[in-house]
C-alpha atoms as a PDB file:
ATOM      1  CA  MET A   1     116.481  67.981  95.346  1.00  0.00           C
ATOM      2  CA  THR A   2     117.656  65.256  93.369  1.00  0.00           C
ATOM      3  CA  PRO A   3     117.248  66.051  89.568  1.00  0.00           C
ATOM      4  CA  GLU A   4     115.636  63.499  88.009  1.00  0.00           C
ATOM      5  CA  PRO A   5     118.110  61.451  85.485  1.00  0.00           C
ATOM      6  CA  SER A   6     118.131  62.065  81.938  1.00  0.00           C
ATOM      7  CA  ARG A   7     115.598  60.241  79.575  1.00  0.00           C
ATOM      8  CA  ALA A   8     118.551  60.593  76.870  1.00  0.00           C
ATOM      9  CA  ALA A   9     120.365  57.999  79.348  1.00  0.00           C
ATOM     10  CA  GLU A  10     117.358  55.594  78.978  1.00  0.00           C
ATOM     11  CA  ALA A  11     116.582  55.778  75.250  1.00  0.00           C
ATOM     12  CA  PRO A  12     118.084  52.712  72.965  1.00  0.00           C
ATOM     13  CA  ARG A  13     118.189  54.812  70.423  1.00  0.00           C
ATOM     14  CA  ARG A  14     119.885  58.047  69.982  1.00  0.00           C
ATOM     15  CA  SER A  15     119.774  59.956  65.812  1.00  0.00           C
ATOM     16  CA  GLY A  16     118.245  56.003  64.516  1.00  0.00           C
ATOM     17  CA  VAL A  17     121.513  54.598  66.101  1.00  0.00           C
ATOM     18  CA  LEU A  18     121.516  52.141  68.981  1.00  0.00           C
ATOM     19  CA  ALA A  19     123.075  52.932  72.245  1.00  0.00           C
ATOM     20  CA  PRO A  20     126.172  50.764  72.976  1.00  0.00           C
ATOM     21  CA  TRP A  21     124.703  49.985  76.004  1.00  0.00           C
ATOM     22  CA  VAL A  22     121.820  47.703  74.005  1.00  0.00           C
ATOM     23  CA  PHE A  23     124.118  45.566  72.517  1.00  0.00           C
ATOM     24  CA  LEU A  24     126.072  44.194  75.623  1.00  0.00           C
ATOM     25  CA  ALA A  25     122.492  44.383  77.777  1.00  0.00           C
ATOM     26  CA  VAL A  26     120.925  41.798  74.626  1.00  0.00           C
ATOM     27  CA  GLY A  27     124.145  40.070  74.258  1.00  0.00           C
ATOM     28  CA  ALA A  28     124.550  39.252  78.175  1.00  0.00           C
ATOM     29  CA  GLY A  29     120.973  38.119  78.207  1.00  0.00           C
ATOM     30  CA  GLY A  30     120.594  36.256  75.287  1.00  0.00           C
ATOM     31  CA  ALA A  31     123.987  34.373  76.445  1.00  0.00           C
ATOM     32  CA  ALA A  32     122.476  33.977  79.817  1.00  0.00           C
ATOM     33  CA  GLY A  33     119.105  32.746  78.092  1.00  0.00           C
ATOM     34  CA  ALA A  34     120.900  30.310  76.044  1.00  0.00           C
ATOM     35  CA  LEU A  35     122.753  28.593  78.550  1.00  0.00           C
ATOM     36  CA  ALA A  36     119.415  28.085  80.992  1.00  0.00           C
ATOM     37  CA  ARG A  37     117.920  26.628  77.573  1.00  0.00           C
ATOM     38  CA  TYR A  38     121.000  24.680  76.917  1.00  0.00           C
ATOM     39  CA  GLY A  39     120.782  23.235  80.292  1.00  0.00           C
ATOM     40  CA  ILE A  40     117.080  23.061  80.332  1.00  0.00           C
ATOM     41  CA  ASN A  41     117.864  20.583  77.819  1.00  0.00           C
ATOM     42  CA  VAL A  42     120.595  18.713  79.365  1.00  0.00           C
ATOM     43  CA  ALA A  43     118.880  17.839  82.152  1.00  0.00           C
ATOM     44  CA  LEU A  44     114.937  16.911  79.991  1.00  0.00           C
ATOM     45  CA  PRO A  45     116.561  15.887  77.142  1.00  0.00           C
ATOM     46  CA  PRO A  46     114.165  15.293  74.030  1.00  0.00           C
ATOM     47  CA  PRO A  47     114.166  11.564  72.293  1.00  0.00           C
ATOM     48  CA  PRO A  48     112.865  11.572  68.882  1.00  0.00           C
ATOM     49  CA  ASP A  49     109.782   9.531  69.358  1.00  0.00           C
ATOM     50  CA  THR A  50     108.157  11.539  72.541  1.00  0.00           C
ATOM     51  CA  PHE A  51     107.341  14.618  73.819  1.00  0.00           C
ATOM     52  CA  PRO A  52     109.482  17.151  73.634  1.00  0.00           C
ATOM     53  CA  LEU A  53     109.144  18.771  76.847  1.00  0.00           C
ATOM     54  CA  ALA A  54     112.027  20.577  77.754  1.00  0.00           C
ATOM     55  CA  THR A  55     111.316  23.252  74.731  1.00  0.00           C
ATOM     56  CA  LEU A  56     108.049  23.092  75.733  1.00  0.00           C
ATOM     57  CA  LEU A  57     108.935  24.339  79.475  1.00  0.00           C
ATOM     58  CA  VAL A  58     111.823  27.037  77.559  1.00  0.00           C
ATOM     59  CA  ASN A  59     109.082  28.276  75.703  1.00  0.00           C
ATOM     60  CA  VAL A  60     106.518  28.535  78.715  1.00  0.00           C
ATOM     61  CA  ILE A  61     109.124  30.363  80.750  1.00  0.00           C
ATOM     62  CA  GLY A  62     110.002  32.709  78.487  1.00  0.00           C
ATOM     63  CA  ALA A  63     106.174  33.311  77.613  1.00  0.00           C
ATOM     64  CA  VAL A  64     105.566  33.628  81.780  1.00  0.00           C
ATOM     65  CA  ILE A  65     108.736  36.785  81.906  1.00  0.00           C
ATOM     66  CA  LEU A  66     107.549  38.502  78.707  1.00  0.00           C
ATOM     67  CA  GLY A  67     103.742  38.555  80.254  1.00  0.00           C
ATOM     68  CA  LEU A  68     105.470  39.831  83.363  1.00  0.00           C
ATOM     69  CA  LEU A  69     107.707  42.510  81.918  1.00  0.00           C
ATOM     70  CA  SER A  70     105.308  43.821  79.823  1.00  0.00           C
ATOM     71  CA  ALA A  71     102.591  44.268  82.648  1.00  0.00           C
ATOM     72  CA  VAL A  72     104.742  46.124  84.885  1.00  0.00           C
ATOM     73  CA  PRO A  73     103.923  49.640  84.257  1.00  0.00           C
ATOM     74  CA  ALA A  74     107.210  52.119  83.330  1.00  0.00           C
ATOM     75  CA  SER A  75     107.085  53.912  86.388  1.00  0.00           C
ATOM     76  CA  ARG A  76     108.048  51.054  88.697  1.00  0.00           C
ATOM     77  CA  LEU A  77     110.683  49.517  86.321  1.00  0.00           C
ATOM     78  CA  HIS A  78     113.643  51.458  87.254  1.00  0.00           C
ATOM     79  CA  LEU A  79     115.926  52.004  84.293  1.00  0.00           C
ATOM     80  CA  GLN A  80     112.938  50.260  82.126  1.00  0.00           C
ATOM     81  CA  SER A  81     114.660  50.034  78.933  1.00  0.00           C
ATOM     82  CA  ARG A  82     117.801  48.511  80.181  1.00  0.00           C
ATOM     83  CA  VAL A  83     115.909  46.386  81.905  1.00  0.00           C
ATOM     84  CA  ARG A  84     113.643  45.551  78.730  1.00  0.00           C
ATOM     85  CA  ALA A  85     116.319  45.300  77.209  1.00  0.00           C
ATOM     86  CA  LEU A  86     118.712  42.400  79.294  1.00  0.00           C
ATOM     87  CA  VAL A  87     115.153  40.276  80.109  1.00  0.00           C
ATOM     88  CA  GLY A  88     113.236  40.654  76.868  1.00  0.00           C
ATOM     89  CA  ALA A  89     115.108  40.448  73.699  1.00  0.00           C
ATOM     90  CA  GLY A  90     118.054  39.258  75.341  1.00  0.00           C
ATOM     91  CA  PHE A  91     117.505  36.844  77.839  1.00  0.00           C
ATOM     92  CA  CYS A  92     114.019  35.479  76.843  1.00  0.00           C
ATOM     93  CA  GLY A  93     115.297  35.551  73.308  1.00  0.00           C
ATOM     94  CA  GLY A  94     118.159  33.657  73.793  1.00  0.00           C
ATOM     95  CA  LEU A  95     115.902  30.881  76.305  1.00  0.00           C
ATOM     96  CA  THR A  96     112.644  31.139  73.704  1.00  0.00           C
ATOM     97  CA  THR A  97     112.979  28.995  70.284  1.00  0.00           C
ATOM     98  CA  PHE A  98     110.669  28.924  67.429  1.00  0.00           C
ATOM     99  CA  SER A  99     113.383  26.790  64.975  1.00  0.00           C
ATOM    100  CA  THR A 100     113.864  24.023  67.320  1.00  0.00           C
ATOM    101  CA  LEU A 101     109.774  23.613  67.961  1.00  0.00           C
ATOM    102  CA  SER A 102     109.922  23.819  64.154  1.00  0.00           C
ATOM    103  CA  LEU A 103     112.267  21.574  64.053  1.00  0.00           C
ATOM    104  CA  GLU A 104     110.828  18.591  66.974  1.00  0.00           C
ATOM    105  CA  ILE A 105     107.618  18.821  65.133  1.00  0.00           C
ATOM    106  CA  ALA A 106     108.924  18.244  61.509  1.00  0.00           C
ATOM    107  CA  THR A 107     111.071  15.241  63.118  1.00  0.00           C
ATOM    108  CA  ARG A 108     107.937  13.560  64.899  1.00  0.00           C
ATOM    109  CA  TRP A 109     105.215  14.077  62.106  1.00  0.00           C
ATOM    110  CA  GLY A 110     106.377  11.056  59.910  1.00  0.00           C
ATOM    111  CA  PRO A 111     106.802   8.683  62.442  1.00  0.00           C
ATOM    112  CA  VAL A 112     104.392   9.622  65.955  1.00  0.00           C
ATOM    113  CA  PRO A 113     101.888  11.749  64.202  1.00  0.00           C
ATOM    114  CA  LEU A 114     100.176  11.844  67.029  1.00  0.00           C
ATOM    115  CA  VAL A 115     102.881  12.806  69.659  1.00  0.00           C
ATOM    116  CA  ALA A 116     103.334  16.288  66.697  1.00  0.00           C
ATOM    117  CA  VAL A 117      99.638  17.624  66.664  1.00  0.00           C
ATOM    118  CA  ALA A 118      99.776  16.870  70.928  1.00  0.00           C
ATOM    119  CA  TYR A 119     102.588  19.366  70.830  1.00  0.00           C
ATOM    120  CA  VAL A 120     101.659  22.086  68.378  1.00  0.00           C
ATOM    121  CA  ALA A 121      98.513  21.943  70.667  1.00  0.00           C
ATOM    122  CA  ALA A 122     100.461  22.100  73.418  1.00  0.00           C
ATOM    123  CA  SER A 123     102.584  24.606  72.385  1.00  0.00           C
ATOM    124  CA  VAL A 124      99.873  26.981  70.765  1.00  0.00           C
ATOM    125  CA  ALA A 125      97.727  26.453  74.140  1.00  0.00           C
ATOM    126  CA  ALA A 126     100.760  27.050  76.789  1.00  0.00           C
ATOM    127  CA  ALA A 127     102.187  30.193  75.523  1.00  0.00           C
ATOM    128  CA  PRO A 128      98.952  32.993  75.695  1.00  0.00           C
ATOM    129  CA  VAL A 129      97.935  31.230  79.208  1.00  0.00           C
ATOM    130  CA  ALA A 130     101.605  32.215  79.840  1.00  0.00           C
ATOM    131  CA  VAL A 131     101.759  35.368  79.049  1.00  0.00           C
ATOM    132  CA  GLY A 132      98.303  35.576  81.126  1.00  0.00           C
ATOM    133  CA  LEU A 133      99.715  34.412  84.121  1.00  0.00           C
ATOM    134  CA  GLY A 134     102.568  36.492  83.680  1.00  0.00           C
ATOM    135  CA  ARG A 135     100.538  39.929  83.073  1.00  0.00           C
ATOM    136  CA  LEU A 136      98.682  38.677  86.114  1.00  0.00           C
ATOM    137  CA  ILE A 137     101.511  37.989  88.670  1.00  0.00           C
ATOM    138  CA  GLY A 138     103.147  41.447  87.120  1.00  0.00           C
ATOM    139  CA  GLY A 139     100.297  43.241  87.781  1.00  0.00           C
ATOM    140  CA  ARG A 140      99.753  42.476  91.339  1.00  0.00           C
ATOM    141  CA  VAL A 141     103.714  42.405  92.284  1.00  0.00           C
ATOM    142  CA  PHE A 142     103.976  46.460  90.218  1.00  0.00           C
ATOM    143  CA  PRO A 143     100.520  47.467  90.675  1.00  0.00           C
ATOM    144  CA  GLU A 144     100.415  51.300  88.862  1.00  0.00           C
ATOM    145  CA  ARG A 145     101.065  54.185  91.630  1.00  0.00           C
ATOM    146  CA  PRO A 146      98.242  56.196  92.458  1.00  0.00           C
ATOM    147  CA  TRP A 147      98.961  59.850  92.020  1.00  0.00           C
ATOM    148  CA  PRO A 148     100.059  61.535  95.436  1.00  0.00           C
ATOM    149  CA  PRO A 149      97.335  63.866  96.598  1.00  0.00           C
ATOM    150  CA  VAL A 150      97.416  67.116  95.209  1.00  0.00           C
ATOM    151  CA  TYR A 151      96.561  70.297  97.531  1.00  0.00           C
ATOM    152  CA  PRO A 152      95.687  73.691  95.595  1.00  0.00           C
ATOM    153  CA  GLY A 153      98.942  75.401  95.910  1.00  0.00           C
ATOM    154  CA  HIS A 154     101.440  72.643  97.162  1.00  0.00           C
ATOM    155  CA  GLY A 155     102.755  70.351  94.276  1.00  0.00           C
ATOM    156  CA  PRO A 156     102.671  69.680  90.948  1.00  0.00           C
ATOM    157  CA  GLU A 157      99.068  68.957  89.187  1.00  0.00           C
ATOM    158  CA  ARG A 158      97.969  66.023  88.088  1.00  0.00           C
ATOM    159  CA  PRO A 159      97.758  65.971  84.391  1.00  0.00           C
ATOM    160  CA  SER A 160      94.359  66.336  82.568  1.00  0.00           C
ATOM    161  CA  GLY A 161      92.391  63.236  82.318  1.00  0.00           C
ATOM    162  CA  SER A 162      93.666  61.773  85.652  1.00  0.00           C
ATOM    163  CA  PRO A 163      91.494  60.738  88.964  1.00  0.00           C
END
């Protein structure tokens, strides 16, 4: 019988101090996310008077990833706090950008206000839909595992309140 891994090894905090691996995971994920955002911005450069597709795209992609990550049950995500730190806070934090969205709205507001309004509407509408899509995908790809059948006197009892 293999012993269960220590939950303390997965905990992001120890005595109120962040574990060293959290800094490494968030930093590595953030670097990868920032590089991905930069690459998308280079591939789709935003001219100052048009719709900034690159920023909308990275924010929607980040929302899908966060939605997916939030839908994965803890029982299905091995090393869950490490993965969530690397992908959620790190990669998605480096990929998505509220400050660039705000700057792009402000720089378009005077010369092309219709583009600015359309950009705000598209960003506000697309992000929650993208999170919902990610959660739907996550729930289908990583469904909650059902409790194994329990026979009287064989194996662990089900927690109270479970089917």
